[in-house]
Amino acid sequence: MDDFTPDLPALAAAPRNELGEFLRSRRGQLRPQDVGLPEGGGRRRTAGLRREEVAQLANISIDWYVRIEQGRDVRPSVATIEAIARALMLSPDERAHMRGLARAESAFTASAERPAAEAVPDVLRRAVAGMVLPAHVRSYRTELLCWNEATTQLFMDFGTMPPEDRNSLVYMFLYANARERFVEWENEARRMLAKFRAVYDPHADDPVLAALVERLRTDSREFDTWWRQHEVRAQRAEHKLIRTPGGKIVRYDYIGLPVMEDPRLRMVLYVPVEDGTQVLSR
């Protein structure tokens, strides 16, 4: 349920506070000894590295780093971005995320309206309906726009949800059915959230996304806790252990396919390993 659109262009005005929040979250997870610096004297006001320590490690001025982290109207060079990434020991996924936040320049404009299910091209809707494998189409906002009978049989009939709940994140965090279906629920939920965060940050000005995050932070303690940790993860094919309604635990690989007619949409397929061979049953 967590293959979000990876190549969606950013909003014209990338929210600089998202870059600053991301940088603060990363330096907050490092200790001086992690990067070869002495602890230093005196009590630390922050749990992680100080701004001046990051600037020192990146070989840039403290004023320049503060301007970047505070989201002032600056445009750091690629070299500066990479230097900060090395200083903060970012993973490849985190480096890519930081580059996108710092240098987002494309002009995708997200509509404040929710995309109607009718926005899914008819040929795609018919293709999904005719598939034997579980398949669904969703928007970059994680809204579930259409799905087939195999998806209903494996998970639940999303059509029985209130329209505002037809969203993969709402399902994952607020529906007991998701905790029953996903055997490794916490790992799956955190992975889904990290992938969503990579899409959300460049589009934080989208009011629909903002309302979704606000709702989930209010209604789910786990979502709120993990959201504040600001983990990001790139899109990639992975697998899930799913408990079927009959009690079998089956490994499913999945793949997300971009929709050429609309980059905001993605079709996701679930493929059972070895034709659904049972992994474990209870």
C-alpha atoms as a PDB file:
ATOM      1  CA  MET A   1       0.000   0.000   0.000  1.00  0.00           C
ATOM      2  CA  ASP A   2       2.994   2.336   0.125  1.00  0.00           C
ATOM      3  CA  ASP A   3       4.384   2.863  -3.366  1.00  0.00           C
ATOM      4  CA  PHE A   4       3.915   6.604  -3.744  1.00  0.00           C
ATOM      5  CA  THR A   5       4.699   8.663  -6.809  1.00  0.00           C
ATOM      6  CA  PRO A   6       8.502   9.153  -6.701  1.00  0.00           C
ATOM      7  CA  ASP A   7       8.995  11.569  -9.574  1.00  0.00           C
ATOM      8  CA  LEU A   8       6.262  14.100  -8.868  1.00  0.00           C
ATOM      9  CA  PRO A   9       7.609  17.615  -9.436  1.00  0.00           C
ATOM     10  CA  ALA A  10       7.667  19.916  -6.433  1.00  0.00           C
ATOM     11  CA  LEU A  11       5.376  22.874  -5.915  1.00  0.00           C
ATOM     12  CA  ALA A  12       6.605  26.118  -7.421  1.00  0.00           C
ATOM     13  CA  ALA A  13       7.326  27.543  -3.977  1.00  0.00           C
ATOM     14  CA  ALA A  14       9.053  24.781  -2.038  1.00  0.00           C
ATOM     15  CA  PRO A  15       8.445  25.323   1.684  1.00  0.00           C
ATOM     16  CA  ARG A  16      11.851  26.218   3.113  1.00  0.00           C
ATOM     17  CA  ASN A  17      10.747  25.353   6.641  1.00  0.00           C
ATOM     18  CA  GLU A  18      10.552  21.706   5.570  1.00  0.00           C
ATOM     19  CA  LEU A  19      14.243  21.759   4.684  1.00  0.00           C
ATOM     20  CA  GLY A  20      15.083  23.358   8.030  1.00  0.00           C
ATOM     21  CA  GLU A  21      12.980  20.868   9.951  1.00  0.00           C
ATOM     22  CA  PHE A  22      14.644  18.004   8.127  1.00  0.00           C
ATOM     23  CA  LEU A  23      18.148  19.325   8.878  1.00  0.00           C
ATOM     24  CA  ARG A  24      17.300  19.854  12.551  1.00  0.00           C
ATOM     25  CA  SER A  25      15.913  16.353  12.825  1.00  0.00           C
ATOM     26  CA  ARG A  26      19.056  14.835  11.321  1.00  0.00           C
ATOM     27  CA  ARG A  27      21.565  16.747  13.457  1.00  0.00           C
ATOM     28  CA  GLY A  28      19.439  15.982  16.505  1.00  0.00           C
ATOM     29  CA  GLN A  29      20.170  12.287  16.000  1.00  0.00           C
ATOM     30  CA  LEU A  30      23.964  12.651  15.966  1.00  0.00           C
ATOM     31  CA  ARG A  31      26.365  13.012  18.870  1.00  0.00           C
ATOM     32  CA  PRO A  32      29.755  14.721  18.599  1.00  0.00           C
ATOM     33  CA  GLN A  33      31.559  11.411  19.029  1.00  0.00           C
ATOM     34  CA  ASP A  34      29.595   9.992  16.084  1.00  0.00           C
ATOM     35  CA  VAL A  35      31.377  12.418  13.773  1.00  0.00           C
ATOM     36  CA  GLY A  36      34.768  12.543  15.465  1.00  0.00           C
ATOM     37  CA  LEU A  37      34.257  15.705  17.516  1.00  0.00           C
ATOM     38  CA  PRO A  38      35.005  16.081  21.230  1.00  0.00           C
ATOM     39  CA  GLU A  39      32.049  16.308  23.576  1.00  0.00           C
ATOM     40  CA  GLY A  40      33.117  19.746  24.753  1.00  0.00           C
ATOM     41  CA  GLY A  41      32.396  21.398  28.049  1.00  0.00           C
ATOM     42  CA  GLY A  42      29.146  22.756  29.350  1.00  0.00           C
ATOM     43  CA  ARG A  43      25.600  21.517  29.190  1.00  0.00           C
ATOM     44  CA  ARG A  44      24.090  21.094  25.725  1.00  0.00           C
ATOM     45  CA  ARG A  45      20.744  22.703  25.020  1.00  0.00           C
ATOM     46  CA  THR A  46      20.135  20.299  22.126  1.00  0.00           C
ATOM     47  CA  ALA A  47      20.285  16.520  22.116  1.00  0.00           C
ATOM     48  CA  GLY A  48      22.437  16.304  19.005  1.00  0.00           C
ATOM     49  CA  LEU A  49      24.993  18.344  17.120  1.00  0.00           C
ATOM     50  CA  ARG A  50      25.049  22.110  17.410  1.00  0.00           C
ATOM     51  CA  ARG A  51      24.661  24.231  14.303  1.00  0.00           C
ATOM     52  CA  GLU A  52      28.252  25.421  14.558  1.00  0.00           C
ATOM     53  CA  GLU A  53      29.453  21.823  14.651  1.00  0.00           C
ATOM     54  CA  VAL A  54      27.593  20.996  11.463  1.00  0.00           C
ATOM     55  CA  ALA A  55      29.031  24.097   9.832  1.00  0.00           C
ATOM     56  CA  GLN A  56      32.520  23.103  10.965  1.00  0.00           C
ATOM     57  CA  LEU A  57      32.148  19.597   9.561  1.00  0.00           C
ATOM     58  CA  ALA A  58      30.775  20.936   6.281  1.00  0.00           C
ATOM     59  CA  ASN A  59      33.526  23.566   6.072  1.00  0.00           C
ATOM     60  CA  ILE A  60      31.057  26.431   5.655  1.00  0.00           C
ATOM     61  CA  SER A  61      30.423  29.504   7.797  1.00  0.00           C
ATOM     62  CA  ILE A  62      28.048  29.204  10.728  1.00  0.00           C
ATOM     63  CA  ASP A  63      26.079  32.179   9.394  1.00  0.00           C
ATOM     64  CA  TRP A  64      25.571  30.444   6.035  1.00  0.00           C
ATOM     65  CA  TYR A  65      24.420  27.224   7.676  1.00  0.00           C
ATOM     66  CA  VAL A  66      22.022  29.092   9.982  1.00  0.00           C
ATOM     67  CA  ARG A  67      20.523  30.908   6.992  1.00  0.00           C
ATOM     68  CA  ILE A  68      19.949  27.599   5.231  1.00  0.00           C
ATOM     69  CA  GLU A  69      18.420  25.897   8.264  1.00  0.00           C
ATOM     70  CA  GLN A  70      16.201  28.866   9.092  1.00  0.00           C
ATOM     71  CA  GLY A  71      14.815  28.863   5.570  1.00  0.00           C
ATOM     72  CA  ARG A  72      15.923  32.306   4.543  1.00  0.00           C
ATOM     73  CA  ASP A  73      15.901  33.275   0.894  1.00  0.00           C
ATOM     74  CA  VAL A  74      19.123  31.529  -0.075  1.00  0.00           C
ATOM     75  CA  ARG A  75      20.064  29.092  -2.788  1.00  0.00           C
ATOM     76  CA  PRO A  76      22.866  26.794  -1.576  1.00  0.00           C
ATOM     77  CA  SER A  77      25.144  25.345  -4.214  1.00  0.00           C
ATOM     78  CA  VAL A  78      25.276  21.648  -4.996  1.00  0.00           C
ATOM     79  CA  ALA A  79      28.686  21.515  -3.315  1.00  0.00           C
ATOM     80  CA  THR A  80      27.252  23.059  -0.142  1.00  0.00           C
ATOM     81  CA  ILE A  81      24.316  20.655  -0.110  1.00  0.00           C
ATOM     82  CA  GLU A  82      26.643  17.682  -0.506  1.00  0.00           C
ATOM     83  CA  ALA A  83      28.981  18.986   2.193  1.00  0.00           C
ATOM     84  CA  ILE A  84      26.103  19.287   4.677  1.00  0.00           C
ATOM     85  CA  ALA A  85      24.873  15.823   3.703  1.00  0.00           C
ATOM     86  CA  ARG A  86      28.306  14.362   4.440  1.00  0.00           C
ATOM     87  CA  ALA A  87      28.514  16.253   7.725  1.00  0.00           C
ATOM     88  CA  LEU A  88      25.171  14.848   8.838  1.00  0.00           C
ATOM     89  CA  MET A  89      26.065  11.344   7.619  1.00  0.00           C
ATOM     90  CA  LEU A  90      22.891  11.172   5.527  1.00  0.00           C
ATOM     91  CA  SER A  91      21.869   7.958   3.816  1.00  0.00           C
ATOM     92  CA  PRO A  92      21.507   7.941   0.006  1.00  0.00           C
ATOM     93  CA  ASP A  93      17.722   8.329   0.385  1.00  0.00           C
ATOM     94  CA  GLU A  94      18.152  11.229   2.795  1.00  0.00           C
ATOM     95  CA  ARG A  95      20.694  12.912   0.508  1.00  0.00           C
ATOM     96  CA  ALA A  96      18.291  12.746  -2.412  1.00  0.00           C
ATOM     97  CA  HIS A  97      15.499  14.120  -0.248  1.00  0.00           C
ATOM     98  CA  MET A  98      17.632  17.009   0.951  1.00  0.00           C
ATOM     99  CA  ARG A  99      18.691  17.890  -2.596  1.00  0.00           C
ATOM    100  CA  GLY A 100      15.053  17.954  -3.661  1.00  0.00           C
ATOM    101  CA  LEU A 101      14.035  20.231  -0.798  1.00  0.00           C
ATOM    102  CA  ALA A 102      16.969  22.586  -1.236  1.00  0.00           C
ATOM    103  CA  ARG A 103      16.776  23.001  -4.990  1.00  0.00           C
ATOM    104  CA  ALA A 104      13.156  22.317  -5.976  1.00  0.00           C
ATOM    105  CA  GLU A 105      12.440  24.452  -9.044  1.00  0.00           C
ATOM    106  CA  SER A 106       9.701  22.755 -11.047  1.00  0.00           C
ATOM    107  CA  ALA A 107       6.234  24.207 -11.436  1.00  0.00           C
ATOM    108  CA  PHE A 108       3.738  21.480 -10.632  1.00  0.00           C
ATOM    109  CA  THR A 109       0.651  23.091  -9.158  1.00  0.00           C
ATOM    110  CA  ALA A 110      -1.447  20.848  -6.967  1.00  0.00           C
ATOM    111  CA  SER A 111      -5.182  21.432  -6.948  1.00  0.00           C
ATOM    112  CA  ALA A 112      -6.780  22.037  -3.568  1.00  0.00           C
ATOM    113  CA  GLU A 113      -9.644  19.780  -4.632  1.00  0.00           C
ATOM    114  CA  ARG A 114      -9.526  16.056  -4.074  1.00  0.00           C
ATOM    115  CA  PRO A 115      -9.155  14.142  -7.352  1.00  0.00           C
ATOM    116  CA  ALA A 116     -12.411  12.381  -8.123  1.00  0.00           C
ATOM    117  CA  ALA A 117     -12.354   8.681  -8.854  1.00  0.00           C
ATOM    118  CA  GLU A 118     -13.624   9.588 -12.327  1.00  0.00           C
ATOM    119  CA  ALA A 119     -10.240  11.234 -12.965  1.00  0.00           C
ATOM    120  CA  VAL A 120      -8.745   7.760 -13.430  1.00  0.00           C
ATOM    121  CA  PRO A 121      -8.594   7.103 -17.198  1.00  0.00           C
ATOM    122  CA  ASP A 122     -11.364   4.694 -18.175  1.00  0.00           C
ATOM    123  CA  VAL A 123      -8.977   2.285 -19.878  1.00  0.00           C
ATOM    124  CA  LEU A 124      -6.925   2.063 -16.684  1.00  0.00           C
ATOM    125  CA  ARG A 125     -10.028   1.548 -14.581  1.00  0.00           C
ATOM    126  CA  ARG A 126     -11.138  -1.320 -16.843  1.00  0.00           C
ATOM    127  CA  ALA A 127      -7.651  -2.842 -16.830  1.00  0.00           C
ATOM    128  CA  VAL A 128      -7.523  -2.829 -13.029  1.00  0.00           C
ATOM    129  CA  ALA A 129     -11.017  -4.334 -12.782  1.00  0.00           C
ATOM    130  CA  GLY A 130     -10.039  -7.157 -15.140  1.00  0.00           C
ATOM    131  CA  MET A 131      -6.838  -8.155 -13.344  1.00  0.00           C
ATOM    132  CA  VAL A 132      -6.559 -11.361 -11.344  1.00  0.00           C
ATOM    133  CA  LEU A 133      -3.832  -9.921  -9.119  1.00  0.00           C
ATOM    134  CA  PRO A 134      -4.735  -7.374  -6.409  1.00  0.00           C
ATOM    135  CA  ALA A 135      -4.364  -3.923  -7.950  1.00  0.00           C
ATOM    136  CA  HIS A 136      -5.403  -0.386  -7.172  1.00  0.00           C
ATOM    137  CA  VAL A 137      -4.834   3.173  -8.374  1.00  0.00           C
ATOM    138  CA  ARG A 138      -4.072   6.029  -6.028  1.00  0.00           C
ATOM    139  CA  SER A 139      -3.097   9.643  -6.108  1.00  0.00           C
ATOM    140  CA  TYR A 140       0.114  11.170  -4.782  1.00  0.00           C
ATOM    141  CA  ARG A 141      -1.975  12.206  -1.784  1.00  0.00           C
ATOM    142  CA  THR A 142      -2.421   8.459  -1.110  1.00  0.00           C
ATOM    143  CA  GLU A 143      -6.136   8.572  -1.963  1.00  0.00           C
ATOM    144  CA  LEU A 144      -7.477   5.222  -3.148  1.00  0.00           C
ATOM    145  CA  LEU A 145      -9.267   6.001  -6.408  1.00  0.00           C
ATOM    146  CA  CYS A 146     -10.123   2.556  -7.771  1.00  0.00           C
ATOM    147  CA  TRP A 147      -9.386  -1.075  -6.938  1.00  0.00           C
ATOM    148  CA  ASN A 148     -10.382  -4.520  -8.097  1.00  0.00           C
ATOM    149  CA  GLU A 149     -12.163  -7.491  -6.558  1.00  0.00           C
ATOM    150  CA  ALA A 150      -8.860  -9.187  -5.716  1.00  0.00           C
ATOM    151  CA  THR A 151      -7.914  -6.175  -3.575  1.00  0.00           C
ATOM    152  CA  THR A 152     -11.271  -6.308  -1.830  1.00  0.00           C
ATOM    153  CA  GLN A 153     -10.797 -10.015  -1.113  1.00  0.00           C
ATOM    154  CA  LEU A 154      -7.259  -9.570   0.231  1.00  0.00           C
ATOM    155  CA  PHE A 155      -7.797  -6.430   2.316  1.00  0.00           C
ATOM    156  CA  MET A 156     -11.339  -5.065   2.534  1.00  0.00           C
ATOM    157  CA  ASP A 157     -13.906  -3.316   0.367  1.00  0.00           C
ATOM    158  CA  PHE A 158     -12.659   0.258   0.447  1.00  0.00           C
ATOM    159  CA  GLY A 159     -16.000   1.272  -1.027  1.00  0.00           C
ATOM    160  CA  THR A 160     -17.573   0.689   2.390  1.00  0.00           C
ATOM    161  CA  MET A 161     -15.368   3.394   3.891  1.00  0.00           C
ATOM    162  CA  PRO A 162     -16.566   6.981   4.155  1.00  0.00           C
ATOM    163  CA  PRO A 163     -15.140   8.830   1.119  1.00  0.00           C
ATOM    164  CA  GLU A 164     -12.761  10.846   3.319  1.00  0.00           C
ATOM    165  CA  ASP A 165     -11.262   7.599   4.643  1.00  0.00           C
ATOM    166  CA  ARG A 166     -10.387   6.096   1.259  1.00  0.00           C
ATOM    167  CA  ASN A 167      -6.718   6.737   1.711  1.00  0.00           C
ATOM    168  CA  SER A 168      -3.919   4.215   2.213  1.00  0.00           C
ATOM    169  CA  LEU A 169      -2.456   6.106   5.193  1.00  0.00           C
ATOM    170  CA  VAL A 170      -5.835   6.442   6.884  1.00  0.00           C
ATOM    171  CA  TYR A 171      -6.392   2.731   6.335  1.00  0.00           C
ATOM    172  CA  MET A 172      -2.955   1.797   7.656  1.00  0.00           C
ATOM    173  CA  PHE A 173      -3.055   3.904  10.820  1.00  0.00           C
ATOM    174  CA  LEU A 174      -6.737   4.129  11.733  1.00  0.00           C
ATOM    175  CA  TYR A 175      -8.304   0.822  10.648  1.00  0.00           C
ATOM    176  CA  ALA A 176      -7.946  -2.343  12.736  1.00  0.00           C
ATOM    177  CA  ASN A 177      -8.192  -4.376   9.524  1.00  0.00           C
ATOM    178  CA  ALA A 178      -4.767  -3.104   8.448  1.00  0.00           C
ATOM    179  CA  ARG A 179      -3.157  -4.234  11.700  1.00  0.00           C
ATOM    180  CA  GLU A 180      -4.655  -7.672  11.141  1.00  0.00           C
ATOM    181  CA  ARG A 181      -3.643  -7.955   7.487  1.00  0.00           C
ATOM    182  CA  PHE A 182      -0.067  -6.686   7.739  1.00  0.00           C
ATOM    183  CA  VAL A 183       1.879  -9.201   9.803  1.00  0.00           C
ATOM    184  CA  GLU A 184       4.758  -6.778  10.432  1.00  0.00           C
ATOM    185  CA  TRP A 185       2.450  -3.816  10.950  1.00  0.00           C
ATOM    186  CA  GLU A 186       4.869  -1.459  12.705  1.00  0.00           C
ATOM    187  CA  ASN A 187       7.625  -1.982  10.138  1.00  0.00           C
ATOM    188  CA  GLU A 188       5.173  -1.550   7.278  1.00  0.00           C
ATOM    189  CA  ALA A 189       3.558   1.540   8.785  1.00  0.00           C
ATOM    190  CA  ARG A 190       6.899   3.230   9.431  1.00  0.00           C
ATOM    191  CA  ARG A 191       8.129   2.373   5.954  1.00  0.00           C
ATOM    192  CA  MET A 192       4.925   3.714   4.403  1.00  0.00           C
ATOM    193  CA  LEU A 193       5.208   6.925   6.402  1.00  0.00           C
ATOM    194  CA  ALA A 194       8.869   7.449   5.443  1.00  0.00           C
ATOM    195  CA  LYS A 195       7.984   7.081   1.762  1.00  0.00           C
ATOM    196  CA  PHE A 196       5.060   9.448   2.137  1.00  0.00           C
ATOM    197  CA  ARG A 197       7.256  11.992   3.933  1.00  0.00           C
ATOM    198  CA  ALA A 198       9.558  12.123   0.911  1.00  0.00           C
ATOM    199  CA  VAL A 199       6.533  13.090  -1.219  1.00  0.00           C
ATOM    200  CA  TYR A 200       4.958  15.396   1.352  1.00  0.00           C
ATOM    201  CA  ASP A 201       7.880  17.688   2.145  1.00  0.00           C
ATOM    202  CA  PRO A 202       8.173  19.339  -1.293  1.00  0.00           C
ATOM    203  CA  HIS A 203       4.365  19.739  -1.332  1.00  0.00           C
ATOM    204  CA  ALA A 204       3.699  20.848   2.232  1.00  0.00           C
ATOM    205  CA  ASP A 205       1.752  23.866   0.941  1.00  0.00           C
ATOM    206  CA  ASP A 206      -0.925  21.517  -0.428  1.00  0.00           C
ATOM    207  CA  PRO A 207      -3.921  22.093   1.888  1.00  0.00           C
ATOM    208  CA  VAL A 208      -5.309  18.588   1.341  1.00  0.00           C
ATOM    209  CA  LEU A 209      -2.009  17.005   2.350  1.00  0.00           C
ATOM    210  CA  ALA A 210      -1.743  19.326   5.332  1.00  0.00           C
ATOM    211  CA  ALA A 211      -5.250  18.377   6.477  1.00  0.00           C
ATOM    212  CA  LEU A 212      -4.449  14.672   6.079  1.00  0.00           C
ATOM    213  CA  VAL A 213      -1.314  14.962   8.206  1.00  0.00           C
ATOM    214  CA  GLU A 214      -3.122  17.011  10.847  1.00  0.00           C
ATOM    215  CA  ARG A 215      -5.889  14.423  11.093  1.00  0.00           C
ATOM    216  CA  LEU A 216      -3.481  11.512  11.408  1.00  0.00           C
ATOM    217  CA  ARG A 217      -1.302  13.279  13.971  1.00  0.00           C
ATOM    218  CA  THR A 218      -4.430  13.897  16.051  1.00  0.00           C
ATOM    219  CA  ASP A 219      -5.986  10.446  15.691  1.00  0.00           C
ATOM    220  CA  SER A 220      -2.904   8.190  15.754  1.00  0.00           C
ATOM    221  CA  ARG A 221      -0.256   8.349  18.463  1.00  0.00           C
ATOM    222  CA  GLU A 222       2.106   6.217  16.368  1.00  0.00           C
ATOM    223  CA  PHE A 223       1.744   8.489  13.357  1.00  0.00           C
ATOM    224  CA  ASP A 224       2.435  11.592  15.440  1.00  0.00           C
ATOM    225  CA  THR A 225       5.506  10.056  17.089  1.00  0.00           C
ATOM    226  CA  TRP A 226       7.028   8.781  13.860  1.00  0.00           C
ATOM    227  CA  TRP A 227       6.119  11.947  11.935  1.00  0.00           C
ATOM    228  CA  ARG A 228       8.214  14.034  14.323  1.00  0.00           C
ATOM    229  CA  GLN A 229      11.192  11.750  13.660  1.00  0.00           C
ATOM    230  CA  HIS A 230      11.162  12.932  10.020  1.00  0.00           C
ATOM    231  CA  GLU A 231      12.387   9.713   8.431  1.00  0.00           C
ATOM    232  CA  VAL A 232      12.433   9.571   4.628  1.00  0.00           C
ATOM    233  CA  ARG A 233      12.715   6.625   2.285  1.00  0.00           C
ATOM    234  CA  ALA A 234      12.937   6.410  -1.495  1.00  0.00           C
ATOM    235  CA  GLN A 235      10.457   4.452  -3.575  1.00  0.00           C
ATOM    236  CA  ARG A 236      11.562   0.915  -4.361  1.00  0.00           C
ATOM    237  CA  ALA A 237      10.041  -2.498  -4.917  1.00  0.00           C
ATOM    238  CA  GLU A 238       9.853  -4.429  -1.676  1.00  0.00           C
ATOM    239  CA  HIS A 239       7.716  -7.170  -0.179  1.00  0.00           C
ATOM    240  CA  LYS A 240       5.077  -7.549   2.502  1.00  0.00           C
ATOM    241  CA  LEU A 241       3.847 -10.402   4.644  1.00  0.00           C
ATOM    242  CA  ILE A 242       0.074 -10.340   4.536  1.00  0.00           C
ATOM    243  CA  ARG A 243      -2.329 -12.448   6.579  1.00  0.00           C
ATOM    244  CA  THR A 244      -5.197 -13.447   4.319  1.00  0.00           C
ATOM    245  CA  PRO A 245      -8.782 -13.565   5.602  1.00  0.00           C
ATOM    246  CA  GLY A 246      -8.360 -17.350   5.779  1.00  0.00           C
ATOM    247  CA  GLY A 247      -5.424 -17.052   8.173  1.00  0.00           C
ATOM    248  CA  LYS A 248      -2.547 -17.820   5.800  1.00  0.00           C
ATOM    249  CA  ILE A 249       0.507 -15.570   5.887  1.00  0.00           C
ATOM    250  CA  VAL A 250       1.721 -14.980   2.346  1.00  0.00           C
ATOM    251  CA  ARG A 251       4.616 -12.960   1.005  1.00  0.00           C
ATOM    252  CA  TYR A 252       3.597 -10.471  -1.672  1.00  0.00           C
ATOM    253  CA  ASP A 253       5.987  -8.539  -3.856  1.00  0.00           C
ATOM    254  CA  TYR A 254       4.574  -5.356  -5.321  1.00  0.00           C
ATOM    255  CA  ILE A 255       5.345  -2.817  -7.995  1.00  0.00           C
ATOM    256  CA  GLY A 256       4.095   0.718  -8.603  1.00  0.00           C
ATOM    257  CA  LEU A 257       3.599   1.833 -12.196  1.00  0.00           C
ATOM    258  CA  PRO A 258       3.335   5.533 -13.106  1.00  0.00           C
ATOM    259  CA  VAL A 259       0.353   6.612 -15.195  1.00  0.00           C
ATOM    260  CA  MET A 260       1.658   8.438 -18.249  1.00  0.00           C
ATOM    261  CA  GLU A 261      -1.485  10.520 -18.699  1.00  0.00           C
ATOM    262  CA  ASP A 262      -1.307  11.919 -15.166  1.00  0.00           C
ATOM    263  CA  PRO A 263       1.920  11.868 -13.081  1.00  0.00           C
ATOM    264  CA  ARG A 264      -0.163  12.314  -9.924  1.00  0.00           C
ATOM    265  CA  LEU A 265      -1.521   8.785 -10.306  1.00  0.00           C
ATOM    266  CA  ARG A 266       0.102   5.403  -9.774  1.00  0.00           C
ATOM    267  CA  MET A 267      -1.118   1.859 -10.272  1.00  0.00           C
ATOM    268  CA  VAL A 268       0.086  -0.681  -7.697  1.00  0.00           C
ATOM    269  CA  LEU A 269       0.143  -4.457  -8.225  1.00  0.00           C
ATOM    270  CA  TYR A 270       0.560  -7.162  -5.581  1.00  0.00           C
ATOM    271  CA  VAL A 271       2.210 -10.353  -6.807  1.00  0.00           C
ATOM    272  CA  PRO A 272       2.209 -13.388  -4.486  1.00  0.00           C
ATOM    273  CA  VAL A 273       5.538 -15.179  -4.266  1.00  0.00           C
ATOM    274  CA  GLU A 274       5.409 -18.633  -5.861  1.00  0.00           C
ATOM    275  CA  ASP A 275       1.778 -18.174  -6.769  1.00  0.00           C
ATOM    276  CA  GLY A 276       0.738 -17.442  -3.224  1.00  0.00           C
ATOM    277  CA  THR A 277       2.550 -20.300  -1.551  1.00  0.00           C
ATOM    278  CA  GLN A 278       1.714 -20.283   2.132  1.00  0.00           C
ATOM    279  CA  VAL A 279       4.532 -18.962   4.306  1.00  0.00           C
ATOM    280  CA  LEU A 280       2.904 -19.602   7.653  1.00  0.00           C
ATOM    281  CA  SER A 281      -0.547 -20.261   8.990  1.00  0.00           C
ATOM    282  CA  ARG A 282      -2.220 -19.783  12.309  1.00  0.00           C
END
